[in-house]
Amino acid sequence: MEIVSGTVLRLADDASVQHVGDGAVVLLARSGQLYTCNGTTEAFLDKVDGARSLDQIVGLLCEEFDVDKDTLDEDMAALANDLVSEGILAAPNA
């Protein structure tokens, strides 16, 4: 799946996010894999709701952090691709 600005993402059915300290952990129930997330990934995952597009999420993150939108567009697309490949995120209809 190619991640573009209009791509809408959701957490995978077996993924859960727990907030801990200055970040979060993601548990994939099917495999038992546990991933630690930094604050940026945590903020990104907090905005993934199965309704917002990647572009809308980037807009929210731009309001939250003092970051250049073009840089954030690239970084969040790369992050989304990584999270999809790990099975943490899925397309809304997947």
C-alpha atoms as a PDB file:
ATOM      1  CA  MET A   1       0.000   0.000   0.000  1.00  0.00           C
ATOM      2  CA  GLU A   2       1.364   3.407  -0.958  1.00  0.00           C
ATOM      3  CA  ILE A   3       0.988   6.070   1.718  1.00  0.00           C
ATOM      4  CA  VAL A   4       0.035   9.478   0.270  1.00  0.00           C
ATOM      5  CA  SER A   5      -1.378  12.643   1.820  1.00  0.00           C
ATOM      6  CA  GLY A   6      -4.975  11.465   1.328  1.00  0.00           C
ATOM      7  CA  THR A   7      -4.399   8.020   2.824  1.00  0.00           C
ATOM      8  CA  VAL A   8      -6.627   7.307   5.825  1.00  0.00           C
ATOM      9  CA  LEU A   9      -5.089   4.975   8.400  1.00  0.00           C
ATOM     10  CA  ARG A  10      -6.285   3.144  11.491  1.00  0.00           C
ATOM     11  CA  LEU A  11      -4.677   0.960  14.113  1.00  0.00           C
ATOM     12  CA  ALA A  12      -4.565  -2.697  13.121  1.00  0.00           C
ATOM     13  CA  ASP A  13      -7.255  -4.800  14.795  1.00  0.00           C
ATOM     14  CA  ASP A  14      -4.765  -6.513  17.092  1.00  0.00           C
ATOM     15  CA  ALA A  15      -2.721  -3.402  17.951  1.00  0.00           C
ATOM     16  CA  SER A  16      -3.150  -1.479  21.179  1.00  0.00           C
ATOM     17  CA  VAL A  17      -1.355   1.632  22.388  1.00  0.00           C
ATOM     18  CA  GLN A  18      -0.562   2.280  26.034  1.00  0.00           C
ATOM     19  CA  HIS A  19       0.882   5.611  27.172  1.00  0.00           C
ATOM     20  CA  VAL A  20       3.862   5.337  29.503  1.00  0.00           C
ATOM     21  CA  GLY A  21       6.098   8.134  30.730  1.00  0.00           C
ATOM     22  CA  ASP A  22       7.430  10.198  27.840  1.00  0.00           C
ATOM     23  CA  GLY A  23       6.191   7.889  25.104  1.00  0.00           C
ATOM     24  CA  ALA A  24       4.057   4.880  24.455  1.00  0.00           C
ATOM     25  CA  VAL A  25       4.211   1.170  23.796  1.00  0.00           C
ATOM     26  CA  VAL A  26       2.332  -0.703  21.121  1.00  0.00           C
ATOM     27  CA  LEU A  27       1.377  -4.333  21.615  1.00  0.00           C
ATOM     28  CA  LEU A  28       0.485  -6.575  18.683  1.00  0.00           C
ATOM     29  CA  ALA A  29      -1.695  -9.272  20.212  1.00  0.00           C
ATOM     30  CA  ARG A  30      -1.299 -11.840  17.407  1.00  0.00           C
ATOM     31  CA  SER A  31       2.489 -11.945  17.689  1.00  0.00           C
ATOM     32  CA  GLY A  32       3.099 -10.649  21.194  1.00  0.00           C
ATOM     33  CA  GLN A  33       5.465  -8.053  19.717  1.00  0.00           C
ATOM     34  CA  LEU A  34       5.954  -4.983  21.896  1.00  0.00           C
ATOM     35  CA  TYR A  35       7.190  -1.731  20.344  1.00  0.00           C
ATOM     36  CA  THR A  36       8.347   1.348  22.231  1.00  0.00           C
ATOM     37  CA  CYS A  37       7.452   4.725  20.755  1.00  0.00           C
ATOM     38  CA  ASN A  38       8.989   8.133  21.242  1.00  0.00           C
ATOM     39  CA  GLY A  39       6.866  11.231  21.834  1.00  0.00           C
ATOM     40  CA  THR A  40       6.531  12.017  18.136  1.00  0.00           C
ATOM     41  CA  THR A  41       5.265   8.550  17.259  1.00  0.00           C
ATOM     42  CA  GLU A  42       2.941   8.667  20.250  1.00  0.00           C
ATOM     43  CA  ALA A  43       1.496  12.010  19.065  1.00  0.00           C
ATOM     44  CA  PHE A  44       1.072  10.582  15.560  1.00  0.00           C
ATOM     45  CA  LEU A  45      -0.682   7.428  16.791  1.00  0.00           C
ATOM     46  CA  ASP A  46      -2.970   9.513  19.015  1.00  0.00           C
ATOM     47  CA  LYS A  47      -4.320  11.181  15.882  1.00  0.00           C
ATOM     48  CA  VAL A  48      -4.775   8.013  13.811  1.00  0.00           C
ATOM     49  CA  ASP A  49      -8.489   7.312  14.079  1.00  0.00           C
ATOM     50  CA  GLY A  50      -9.582   5.633  10.845  1.00  0.00           C
ATOM     51  CA  ALA A  51     -11.181   8.874   9.655  1.00  0.00           C
ATOM     52  CA  ARG A  52      -8.349  11.410   9.345  1.00  0.00           C
ATOM     53  CA  SER A  53      -6.094  11.477   6.295  1.00  0.00           C
ATOM     54  CA  LEU A  54      -2.329  11.623   6.634  1.00  0.00           C
ATOM     55  CA  ASP A  55      -2.499  15.279   5.560  1.00  0.00           C
ATOM     56  CA  GLN A  56      -5.024  16.077   8.314  1.00  0.00           C
ATOM     57  CA  ILE A  57      -2.828  14.329  10.889  1.00  0.00           C
ATOM     58  CA  VAL A  58       0.206  16.322   9.704  1.00  0.00           C
ATOM     59  CA  GLY A  59      -1.829  19.531  10.055  1.00  0.00           C
ATOM     60  CA  LEU A  60      -2.684  18.667  13.654  1.00  0.00           C
ATOM     61  CA  LEU A  61       0.944  17.825  14.402  1.00  0.00           C
ATOM     62  CA  CYS A  62       2.079  21.143  12.877  1.00  0.00           C
ATOM     63  CA  GLU A  63      -0.179  22.906  15.380  1.00  0.00           C
ATOM     64  CA  GLU A  64       1.246  20.819  18.227  1.00  0.00           C
ATOM     65  CA  PHE A  65       4.940  21.022  17.322  1.00  0.00           C
ATOM     66  CA  ASP A  66       6.999  23.856  15.829  1.00  0.00           C
ATOM     67  CA  VAL A  67       8.018  21.979  12.674  1.00  0.00           C
ATOM     68  CA  ASP A  68       8.140  22.812   8.977  1.00  0.00           C
ATOM     69  CA  LYS A  69       5.129  21.219   7.220  1.00  0.00           C
ATOM     70  CA  ASP A  70       7.148  19.939   4.237  1.00  0.00           C
ATOM     71  CA  THR A  71       9.598  18.176   6.547  1.00  0.00           C
ATOM     72  CA  LEU A  72       6.769  16.791   8.657  1.00  0.00           C
ATOM     73  CA  ASP A  73       4.946  15.556   5.521  1.00  0.00           C
ATOM     74  CA  GLU A  74       7.978  13.490   4.528  1.00  0.00           C
ATOM     75  CA  ASP A  75       8.747  12.255   8.031  1.00  0.00           C
ATOM     76  CA  MET A  76       5.164  11.215   8.821  1.00  0.00           C
ATOM     77  CA  ALA A  77       4.737   9.455   5.451  1.00  0.00           C
ATOM     78  CA  ALA A  78       7.915   7.479   6.195  1.00  0.00           C
ATOM     79  CA  LEU A  79       6.688   6.732   9.733  1.00  0.00           C
ATOM     80  CA  ALA A  80       3.292   5.615   8.434  1.00  0.00           C
ATOM     81  CA  ASN A  81       4.983   3.308   5.913  1.00  0.00           C
ATOM     82  CA  ASP A  82       7.099   1.784   8.690  1.00  0.00           C
ATOM     83  CA  LEU A  83       4.067   1.283  10.950  1.00  0.00           C
ATOM     84  CA  VAL A  84       2.073  -0.338   8.131  1.00  0.00           C
ATOM     85  CA  SER A  85       4.976  -2.667   7.304  1.00  0.00           C
ATOM     86  CA  GLU A  86       5.207  -3.682  10.991  1.00  0.00           C
ATOM     87  CA  GLY A  87       1.459  -4.402  11.050  1.00  0.00           C
ATOM     88  CA  ILE A  88       0.682  -1.652  13.570  1.00  0.00           C
ATOM     89  CA  LEU A  89      -1.377   0.428  11.131  1.00  0.00           C
ATOM     90  CA  ALA A  90      -3.817  -0.685   8.448  1.00  0.00           C
ATOM     91  CA  ALA A  91      -5.989   0.966   5.819  1.00  0.00           C
ATOM     92  CA  PRO A  92      -9.556   1.618   7.045  1.00  0.00           C
ATOM     93  CA  ASN A  93     -11.013  -1.084   4.812  1.00  0.00           C
ATOM     94  CA  ALA A  94      -8.294  -3.671   5.502  1.00  0.00           C
END
